[in-house]
Amino acid sequence: MNIHLRYEGKSTNLKTNNHRDEDIIRELQEKGYLPRLKPELMIDRHPDGVVIRPPAVFG
């Protein structure tokens, strides 16, 4: 599965064998792409993978 991670002003494309949201987040934390503390994230699912990003801010 393809992962497109947008976090802290960076955009990274990765691949994973995980399909559950919790497993994907844990893998990204273990590889150092996300902090160990649970950040507030949105996960958008698409046919070819997922987009992980912070929540949108409107106003």
Protein backbone atom coordinates (compact mmCIF):
# COMPACT_ATOMS: atom_id res chain seq x y z
CA MET A 1 0.00 0.00 0.00
CA ASN A 2 1.21 3.50 -0.78
CA ILE A 3 1.48 6.08 1.98
CA HIS A 4 1.67 9.79 1.29
CA LEU A 5 2.68 11.49 4.56
CA ARG A 6 2.33 15.26 4.98
CA TYR A 7 3.72 16.29 8.34
CA GLU A 8 5.63 19.30 9.71
CA GLY A 9 5.95 20.93 6.30
CA LYS A 10 7.40 17.80 4.67
CA SER A 11 5.85 15.49 2.10
CA THR A 12 7.04 11.87 1.99
CA ASN A 13 5.95 8.87 -0.10
CA LEU A 14 6.38 5.41 1.43
CA LYS A 15 5.21 1.84 0.94
CA THR A 16 3.84 -0.52 3.60
CA ASN A 17 2.37 -3.99 3.90
CA ASN A 18 0.07 -2.79 6.71
CA HIS A 19 -3.56 -1.98 5.99
CA ARG A 20 -4.97 -0.96 9.38
CA ASP A 21 -4.64 2.69 10.38
CA GLU A 22 -3.15 1.84 13.79
CA ASP A 23 -0.49 -0.39 12.23
CA ILE A 24 0.47 2.25 9.66
CA ILE A 25 0.82 4.95 12.35
CA ARG A 26 2.87 2.61 14.57
CA GLU A 27 5.19 1.77 11.65
CA LEU A 28 5.71 5.48 10.87
CA GLN A 29 6.49 6.15 14.54
CA GLU A 30 8.98 3.27 14.70
CA LYS A 31 10.75 4.55 11.56
CA GLY A 32 10.94 8.09 13.01
CA TYR A 33 8.54 9.81 10.57
CA LEU A 34 6.05 10.60 13.36
CA PRO A 35 6.60 11.34 17.08
CA ARG A 36 5.93 8.60 19.64
CA LEU A 37 3.24 10.74 21.25
CA LYS A 38 0.02 10.36 19.33
CA PRO A 39 -0.22 13.42 17.05
CA GLU A 40 -3.62 14.56 15.81
CA LEU A 41 -3.80 13.18 12.26
CA MET A 42 -6.33 12.69 9.50
CA ILE A 43 -6.15 9.56 7.36
CA ASP A 44 -7.73 9.80 3.92
CA ARG A 45 -8.13 6.47 2.11
CA HIS A 46 -7.83 6.29 -1.67
CA PRO A 47 -7.91 3.27 -4.01
CA ASP A 48 -4.10 3.30 -4.34
CA GLY A 49 -3.23 4.02 -0.70
CA VAL A 50 -3.61 6.52 2.13
CA VAL A 51 -2.82 10.18 2.75
CA ILE A 52 -1.83 11.00 6.33
CA ARG A 53 -1.94 14.67 7.28
CA PRO A 54 -2.73 17.08 10.11
CA PRO A 55 -6.36 18.22 10.36
CA ALA A 56 -7.30 21.14 8.16
CA VAL A 57 -7.61 24.52 9.83
CA PHE A 58 -10.31 26.84 8.58
CA GLY A 59 -10.97 30.38 9.63
